[in-house]
């Protein structure tokens, strides 16, 4: 492998890889560890984006990581859920400054089930009754 000269871009990419490695380890350890890792890595201000987009989403440029996992659990209704999850993160100064959740139809259906079981309102953009995502 060819070595590259140290520079701001290379250091930032290393930072994104380090943050992604911390998140992978935390997600593998369990939901409490994943939540704590996310909390410890958030910048003072974080933009949250979804694919498909929700009305509250924004945009940020920076060094990114791509984390894919599957969330598995049992709802309060007793139903099992399995939600494939893809999270793209933007890192600046070793902190997560933006997160983009990429959701296909299976993930949207899973999160809709979770929200409904928890008594939460489902955003119109994700409501299957309103038609396919834009």
Protein backbone atom coordinates (compact mmCIF):
# COMPACT_ATOMS: atom_id res chain seq x y z
CA UNK A 1 0.00 0.00 0.00
CA UNK A 2 1.29 3.45 -0.89
CA UNK A 3 1.85 5.85 2.00
CA UNK A 4 0.47 9.37 1.75
CA UNK A 5 1.83 12.57 3.18
CA UNK A 6 0.18 13.74 6.39
CA UNK A 7 -2.23 16.58 5.81
CA UNK A 8 -5.56 17.95 6.98
CA UNK A 9 -7.60 15.71 4.67
CA UNK A 10 -5.73 12.56 5.66
CA UNK A 11 -5.98 13.36 9.37
CA UNK A 12 -9.71 14.03 9.06
CA UNK A 13 -10.29 10.76 7.22
CA UNK A 14 -8.43 8.97 10.01
CA UNK A 15 -10.68 10.72 12.50
CA UNK A 16 -13.80 9.49 10.70
CA UNK A 17 -12.41 5.95 10.65
CA UNK A 18 -11.64 6.14 14.38
CA UNK A 19 -15.17 7.37 15.17
CA UNK A 20 -16.66 4.61 12.98
CA UNK A 21 -14.54 1.98 14.77
CA UNK A 22 -15.77 3.23 18.16
CA UNK A 23 -19.38 3.02 16.95
CA UNK A 24 -18.98 -0.49 15.52
CA UNK A 25 -17.57 -1.74 18.83
CA UNK A 26 -20.33 -0.02 20.80
CA UNK A 27 -23.14 -1.34 18.58
CA UNK A 28 -21.70 -4.85 18.88
CA UNK A 29 -21.63 -4.49 22.68
CA UNK A 30 -25.34 -3.66 22.90
CA UNK A 31 -27.94 -0.90 22.73
CA UNK A 32 -26.92 0.84 25.97
CA UNK A 33 -23.29 0.95 24.87
CA UNK A 34 -24.29 2.20 21.40
CA UNK A 35 -26.36 5.03 22.88
CA UNK A 36 -23.56 6.03 25.25
CA UNK A 37 -21.00 6.00 22.42
CA UNK A 38 -23.22 8.20 20.26
CA UNK A 39 -23.75 10.63 23.13
CA UNK A 40 -20.02 10.84 23.80
CA UNK A 41 -19.21 11.50 20.14
CA UNK A 42 -21.83 14.12 19.29
CA UNK A 43 -20.63 17.65 18.64
CA UNK A 44 -22.40 20.52 20.40
CA UNK A 45 -24.66 20.82 17.34
CA UNK A 46 -25.62 17.82 15.18
CA UNK A 47 -27.67 17.76 11.98
CA UNK A 48 -29.86 14.70 11.48
CA UNK A 49 -30.86 13.68 7.96
CA UNK A 50 -32.93 10.80 6.60
CA UNK A 51 -33.13 9.07 3.23
CA UNK A 52 -35.83 9.51 2.11
CA UNK A 53 -35.68 13.06 3.44
CA UNK A 54 -37.88 14.41 6.20
CA UNK A 55 -38.91 18.05 6.45
CA UNK A 56 -36.52 18.68 9.37
CA UNK A 57 -33.37 17.48 7.58
CA UNK A 58 -30.33 19.64 6.69
CA UNK A 59 -26.97 19.22 4.94
CA UNK A 60 -23.33 19.24 6.11
CA UNK A 61 -20.07 18.70 4.22
CA UNK A 62 -17.14 16.96 5.90
CA UNK A 63 -15.42 13.62 6.46
CA UNK A 64 -17.85 10.75 6.51
CA UNK A 65 -18.26 7.20 7.76
CA UNK A 66 -20.74 4.52 6.68
CA UNK A 67 -22.06 2.18 9.40
CA UNK A 68 -24.42 -0.69 8.56
CA UNK A 69 -26.04 -2.91 11.15
CA UNK A 70 -29.31 -4.68 11.96
CA UNK A 71 -31.38 -3.71 14.99
CA UNK A 72 -33.25 -6.69 16.45
CA UNK A 73 -35.72 -6.66 19.31
CA UNK A 74 -39.18 -7.32 20.68
CA UNK A 75 -41.83 -4.61 20.86
CA UNK A 76 -44.10 -4.05 23.87
CA UNK A 77 -46.79 -5.69 21.72
CA UNK A 78 -44.74 -8.90 21.67
CA UNK A 79 -43.96 -8.59 17.96
CA UNK A 80 -40.39 -9.15 16.83
CA UNK A 81 -38.61 -6.52 14.75
CA UNK A 82 -35.53 -6.72 12.55
CA UNK A 83 -34.52 -3.37 11.09
CA UNK A 84 -31.61 -3.07 8.65
CA UNK A 85 -29.91 0.22 9.43
CA UNK A 86 -27.42 2.34 7.51
CA UNK A 87 -26.01 5.43 9.18
CA UNK A 88 -23.75 7.88 7.34
CA UNK A 89 -21.93 10.20 9.71
CA UNK A 90 -19.99 13.41 9.20
CA UNK A 91 -17.05 14.00 11.55
CA UNK A 92 -15.28 17.27 12.33
CA UNK A 93 -12.60 17.57 15.04
CA UNK A 94 -13.26 13.99 16.25
CA UNK A 95 -16.96 14.72 16.84
CA UNK A 96 -20.05 13.65 14.92
CA UNK A 97 -21.59 16.80 13.44
CA UNK A 98 -24.18 15.16 11.17
CA UNK A 99 -25.96 11.82 10.85
CA UNK A 100 -27.88 10.62 7.82
CA UNK A 101 -30.08 7.55 8.27
CA UNK A 102 -30.66 5.74 4.97
CA UNK A 103 -33.91 3.79 5.10
CA UNK A 104 -35.32 1.40 2.53
CA UNK A 105 -38.94 0.20 2.61
CA UNK A 106 -38.11 -2.60 5.09
CA UNK A 107 -36.42 -0.17 7.50
CA UNK A 108 -39.26 2.36 7.20
CA UNK A 109 -41.80 -0.37 7.98
CA UNK A 110 -39.75 -1.50 10.99
CA UNK A 111 -39.40 2.02 12.43
CA UNK A 112 -43.11 2.64 11.79
CA UNK A 113 -43.90 -0.49 13.83
CA UNK A 114 -41.57 0.67 16.63
CA UNK A 115 -43.13 4.16 16.72
CA UNK A 116 -46.68 2.82 16.65
CA UNK A 117 -45.98 0.30 19.44
CA UNK A 118 -44.46 3.12 21.50
CA UNK A 119 -47.47 5.39 20.96
CA UNK A 120 -45.46 7.84 18.85
CA UNK A 121 -46.74 9.70 15.81
CA UNK A 122 -45.31 8.55 12.49
CA UNK A 123 -44.15 11.44 10.25
CA UNK A 124 -46.36 11.75 7.18
CA UNK A 125 -43.31 11.21 4.96
CA UNK A 126 -42.90 7.73 6.45
CA UNK A 127 -46.57 6.75 6.74
CA UNK A 128 -47.20 3.82 4.35
CA UNK A 129 -50.79 5.02 3.93
CA UNK A 130 -49.55 8.23 2.27
CA UNK A 131 -47.87 6.35 -0.60
CA UNK A 132 -44.27 5.59 -1.55
CA UNK A 133 -41.40 7.74 -0.21
CA UNK A 134 -40.43 10.68 -2.40
